Structure formats: C-alpha cells, structure tokens
Amino acid sequence: MLANAKSKMQALLEGIAKLNAYLQEKEDEKRKMEDDINQCLARMDRANR
C-alpha cells in the first residue's frame, strides 16, 4: 500500500515537472514573440519618420 502511494506520488511529481518545463517553454516563446513584435513596430516607426 505504501509503495503504491509512493509510486503514484512520484508519477505525480514527474508530471508536474514536465508541465512546469512545458509552461516555461511557452513563456519563453511568448517573450520572444513580444520582442519580435516590438522590434517590428520600432522598425515601422523609424520607417515612417
């Protein structure tokens, strides 16, 4: 019984670690996209002057 609970807890922790890694990757992608958009807007702004 205890071994089964430990096994389930370990699987849960591994799932949480994978989810955190995925969310961090998505956050990094979002930040890069925001940077790319800001650079594009800055270029457009300079071109319109």
PDB file of N, CA and C in Angstrom:
ATOM      1  N   MET A   1       0.831  -1.201   0.000  1.00  0.00           N
ATOM      2  CA  MET A   1       0.000   0.000   0.000  1.00  0.00           C
ATOM      3  C   MET A   1       0.867   1.252   0.000  1.00  0.00           C
ATOM      4  N   LEU A   2       1.848   1.306   0.900  1.00  0.00           N
ATOM      5  CA  LEU A   2       2.725   2.479   0.975  1.00  0.00           C
ATOM      6  C   LEU A   2       3.558   2.617  -0.295  1.00  0.00           C
ATOM      7  N   ALA A   3       4.033   1.497  -0.815  1.00  0.00           N
ATOM      8  CA  ALA A   3       4.832   1.530  -2.045  1.00  0.00           C
ATOM      9  C   ALA A   3       3.986   2.051  -3.207  1.00  0.00           C
ATOM     10  N   ASN A   4       2.726   1.647  -3.243  1.00  0.00           N
ATOM     11  CA  ASN A   4       1.820   2.106  -4.295  1.00  0.00           C
ATOM     12  C   ASN A   4       1.607   3.615  -4.193  1.00  0.00           C
ATOM     13  N   ALA A   5       1.415   4.107  -2.987  1.00  0.00           N
ATOM     14  CA  ALA A   5       1.225   5.546  -2.782  1.00  0.00           C
ATOM     15  C   ALA A   5       2.487   6.315  -3.170  1.00  0.00           C
ATOM     16  N   LYS A   6       3.653   5.774  -2.810  1.00  0.00           N
ATOM     17  CA  LYS A   6       4.916   6.431  -3.178  1.00  0.00           C
ATOM     18  C   LYS A   6       5.075   6.472  -4.693  1.00  0.00           C
ATOM     19  N   SER A   7       4.706   5.381  -5.340  1.00  0.00           N
ATOM     20  CA  SER A   7       4.804   5.304  -6.795  1.00  0.00           C
ATOM     21  C   SER A   7       3.898   6.342  -7.455  1.00  0.00           C
ATOM     22  N   LYS A   8       2.676   6.456  -6.954  1.00  0.00           N
ATOM     23  CA  LYS A   8       1.740   7.441  -7.508  1.00  0.00           C
ATOM     24  C   LYS A   8       2.230   8.866  -7.256  1.00  0.00           C
ATOM     25  N   MET A   9       2.785   9.102  -6.079  1.00  0.00           N
ATOM     26  CA  MET A   9       3.309  10.432  -5.758  1.00  0.00           C
ATOM     27  C   MET A   9       4.479  10.769  -6.676  1.00  0.00           C
ATOM     28  N   GLN A  10       5.354   9.794  -6.925  1.00  0.00           N
ATOM     29  CA  GLN A  10       6.498  10.022  -7.819  1.00  0.00           C
ATOM     30  C   GLN A  10       6.009  10.345  -9.227  1.00  0.00           C
ATOM     31  N   ALA A  11       5.015   9.604  -9.703  1.00  0.00           N
ATOM     32  CA  ALA A  11       4.468   9.860 -11.037  1.00  0.00           C
ATOM     33  C   ALA A  11       3.851  11.259 -11.098  1.00  0.00           C
ATOM     34  N   LEU A  12       3.170  11.651 -10.037  1.00  0.00           N
ATOM     35  CA  LEU A  12       2.569  12.985  -9.978  1.00  0.00           C
ATOM     36  C   LEU A  12       3.651  14.063 -10.028  1.00  0.00           C
ATOM     37  N   LEU A  13       4.710  13.880  -9.259  1.00  0.00           N
ATOM     38  CA  LEU A  13       5.805  14.856  -9.249  1.00  0.00           C
ATOM     39  C   LEU A  13       6.477  14.952 -10.619  1.00  0.00           C
ATOM     40  N   GLU A  14       6.650  13.816 -11.277  1.00  0.00           N
ATOM     41  CA  GLU A  14       7.240  13.827 -12.614  1.00  0.00           C
ATOM     42  C   GLU A  14       6.326  14.553 -13.599  1.00  0.00           C
ATOM     43  N   GLY A  15       5.025  14.333 -13.472  1.00  0.00           N
ATOM     44  CA  GLY A  15       4.066  15.026 -14.336  1.00  0.00           C
ATOM     45  C   GLY A  15       4.103  16.531 -14.107  1.00  0.00           C
ATOM     46  N   ILE A  16       4.195  16.937 -12.856  1.00  0.00           N
ATOM     47  CA  ILE A  16       4.274  18.365 -12.529  1.00  0.00           C
ATOM     48  C   ILE A  16       5.557  18.966 -13.097  1.00  0.00           C
ATOM     49  N   ALA A  17       6.663  18.246 -12.999  1.00  0.00           N
ATOM     50  CA  ALA A  17       7.938  18.734 -13.543  1.00  0.00           C
ATOM     51  C   ALA A  17       7.841  18.915 -15.057  1.00  0.00           C
ATOM     52  N   LYS A  18       7.209  17.959 -15.742  1.00  0.00           N
ATOM     53  CA  LYS A  18       7.037  18.075 -17.193  1.00  0.00           C
ATOM     54  C   LYS A  18       6.144  19.259 -17.536  1.00  0.00           C
ATOM     55  N   LEU A  19       5.078  19.435 -16.780  1.00  0.00           N
ATOM     56  CA  LEU A  19       4.170  20.563 -17.013  1.00  0.00           C
ATOM     57  C   LEU A  19       4.893  21.886 -16.804  1.00  0.00           C
ATOM     58  N   ASN A  20       5.681  21.984 -15.743  1.00  0.00           N
ATOM     59  CA  ASN A  20       6.439  23.211 -15.483  1.00  0.00           C
ATOM     60  C   ASN A  20       7.414  23.502 -16.615  1.00  0.00           C
ATOM     61  N   ALA A  21       8.087  22.476 -17.123  1.00  0.00           N
ATOM     62  CA  ALA A  21       9.026  22.663 -18.233  1.00  0.00           C
ATOM     63  C   ALA A  21       8.287  23.147 -19.476  1.00  0.00           C
ATOM     64  N   TYR A  22       7.122  22.566 -19.745  1.00  0.00           N
ATOM     65  CA  TYR A  22       6.311  22.978 -20.895  1.00  0.00           C
ATOM     66  C   TYR A  22       5.862  24.429 -20.748  1.00  0.00           C
ATOM     67  N   LEU A  23       5.384  24.783 -19.568  1.00  0.00           N
ATOM     68  CA  LEU A  23       4.924  26.152 -19.342  1.00  0.00           C
ATOM     69  C   LEU A  23       6.072  27.150 -19.463  1.00  0.00           C
ATOM     70  N   GLN A  24       7.247  26.786 -18.990  1.00  0.00           N
ATOM     71  CA  GLN A  24       8.416  27.667 -19.118  1.00  0.00           C
ATOM     72  C   GLN A  24       8.777  27.862 -20.585  1.00  0.00           C
ATOM     73  N   GLU A  25       8.709  26.777 -21.358  1.00  0.00           N
ATOM     74  CA  GLU A  25       8.998  26.865 -22.788  1.00  0.00           C
ATOM     75  C   GLU A  25       8.009  27.807 -23.471  1.00  0.00           C
ATOM     76  N   LYS A  26       6.734  27.688 -23.127  1.00  0.00           N
ATOM     77  CA  LYS A  26       5.713  28.556 -23.723  1.00  0.00           C
ATOM     78  C   LYS A  26       5.922  30.009 -23.301  1.00  0.00           C
ATOM     79  N   GLU A  27       6.321  30.225 -22.064  1.00  0.00           N
ATOM     80  CA  GLU A  27       6.600  31.584 -21.582  1.00  0.00           C
ATOM     81  C   GLU A  27       7.777  32.177 -22.359  1.00  0.00           C
ATOM     82  N   ASP A  28       8.810  31.373 -22.602  1.00  0.00           N
ATOM     83  CA  ASP A  28       9.964  31.835 -23.377  1.00  0.00           C
ATOM     84  C   ASP A  28       9.551  32.185 -24.810  1.00  0.00           C
ATOM     85  N   GLU A  29       8.704  31.337 -25.415  1.00  0.00           N
ATOM     86  CA  GLU A  29       8.221  31.604 -26.769  1.00  0.00           C
ATOM     87  C   GLU A  29       7.413  32.902 -26.805  1.00  0.00           C
ATOM     88  N   LYS A  30       6.573  33.107 -25.795  1.00  0.00           N
ATOM     89  CA  LYS A  30       5.759  34.325 -25.715  1.00  0.00           C
ATOM     90  C   LYS A  30       6.652  35.558 -25.611  1.00  0.00           C
ATOM     91  N   ARG A  31       7.676  35.481 -24.765  1.00  0.00           N
ATOM     92  CA  ARG A  31       8.591  36.608 -24.585  1.00  0.00           C
ATOM     93  C   ARG A  31       9.321  36.923 -25.891  1.00  0.00           C
ATOM     94  N   LYS A  32       9.770  35.875 -26.605  1.00  0.00           N
ATOM     95  CA  LYS A  32      10.463  36.098 -27.870  1.00  0.00           C
ATOM     96  C   LYS A  32       9.514  36.720 -28.890  1.00  0.00           C
ATOM     97  N   MET A  33       8.275  36.253 -28.935  1.00  0.00           N
ATOM     98  CA  MET A  33       7.310  36.807 -29.877  1.00  0.00           C
ATOM     99  C   MET A  33       7.043  38.281 -29.565  1.00  0.00           C
ATOM    100  N   GLU A  34       6.911  38.612 -28.283  1.00  0.00           N
ATOM    101  CA  GLU A  34       6.706  40.009 -27.893  1.00  0.00           C
ATOM    102  C   GLU A  34       7.896  40.861 -28.308  1.00  0.00           C
ATOM    103  N   ASP A  35       9.108  40.343 -28.114  1.00  0.00           N
ATOM    104  CA  ASP A  35      10.311  41.074 -28.525  1.00  0.00           C
ATOM    105  C   ASP A  35      10.322  41.283 -30.042  1.00  0.00           C
ATOM    106  N   ASP A  36       9.985  40.234 -30.793  1.00  0.00           N
ATOM    107  CA  ASP A  36       9.956  40.340 -32.254  1.00  0.00           C
ATOM    108  C   ASP A  36       8.934  41.383 -32.704  1.00  0.00           C
ATOM    109  N   ILE A  37       7.757  41.383 -32.079  1.00  0.00           N
ATOM    110  CA  ILE A  37       6.715  42.357 -32.426  1.00  0.00           C
ATOM    111  C   ILE A  37       7.185  43.771 -32.111  1.00  0.00           C
ATOM    112  N   ASN A  38       7.795  43.950 -30.944  1.00  0.00           N
ATOM    113  CA  ASN A  38       8.282  45.279 -30.573  1.00  0.00           C
ATOM    114  C   ASN A  38       9.367  45.763 -31.528  1.00  0.00           C
ATOM    115  N   GLN A  39      10.255  44.870 -31.948  1.00  0.00           N
ATOM    116  CA  GLN A  39      11.291  45.254 -32.910  1.00  0.00           C
ATOM    117  C   GLN A  39      10.671  45.638 -34.252  1.00  0.00           C
ATOM    118  N   CYS A  40       9.675  44.878 -34.667  1.00  0.00           N
ATOM    119  CA  CYS A  40       8.992  45.174 -35.926  1.00  0.00           C
ATOM    120  C   CYS A  40       8.295  46.532 -35.841  1.00  0.00           C
ATOM    121  N   LEU A  41       7.610  46.792 -34.736  1.00  0.00           N
ATOM    122  CA  LEU A  41       6.938  48.081 -34.563  1.00  0.00           C
ATOM    123  C   LEU A  41       7.943  49.225 -34.544  1.00  0.00           C
ATOM    124  N   ALA A  42       9.082  49.013 -33.916  1.00  0.00           N
ATOM    125  CA  ALA A  42      10.116  50.050 -33.871  1.00  0.00           C
ATOM    126  C   ALA A  42      10.644  50.336 -35.277  1.00  0.00           C
ATOM    127  N   ARG A  43      10.845  49.279 -36.077  1.00  0.00           N
ATOM    128  CA  ARG A  43      11.310  49.482 -37.460  1.00  0.00           C
ATOM    129  C   ARG A  43      10.263  50.238 -38.267  1.00  0.00           C
ATOM    130  N   MET A  44       9.002  49.885 -38.092  1.00  0.00           N
ATOM    131  CA  MET A  44       7.931  50.580 -38.811  1.00  0.00           C
ATOM    132  C   MET A  44       7.873  52.045 -38.394  1.00  0.00           C
ATOM    133  N   ASP A  45       8.052  52.295 -37.113  1.00  0.00           N
ATOM    134  CA  ASP A  45       8.024  53.665 -36.602  1.00  0.00           C
ATOM    135  C   ASP A  45       9.162  54.482 -37.213  1.00  0.00           C
ATOM    136  N   ARG A  46      10.361  53.891 -37.259  1.00  0.00           N
ATOM    137  CA  ARG A  46      11.509  54.600 -37.843  1.00  0.00           C
ATOM    138  C   ARG A  46      11.302  54.831 -39.339  1.00  0.00           C
ATOM    139  N   ALA A  47      10.693  53.871 -40.019  1.00  0.00           N
ATOM    140  CA  ALA A  47      10.472  53.994 -41.461  1.00  0.00           C
ATOM    141  C   ALA A  47       9.450  55.083 -41.775  1.00  0.00           C
ATOM    142  N   ASN A  48       8.551  55.357 -40.848  1.00  0.00           N
ATOM    143  CA  ASN A  48       7.504  56.354 -41.083  1.00  0.00           C
ATOM    144  C   ASN A  48       7.923  57.764 -40.702  1.00  0.00           C
ATOM    145  N   ARG A  49       9.162  57.932 -40.260  1.00  0.00           N
ATOM    146  CA  ARG A  49       9.608  59.284 -39.868  1.00  0.00           C
ATOM    147  C   ARG A  49      10.225  60.014 -41.023  1.00  0.00           C
TER     148      ARG A  49
END
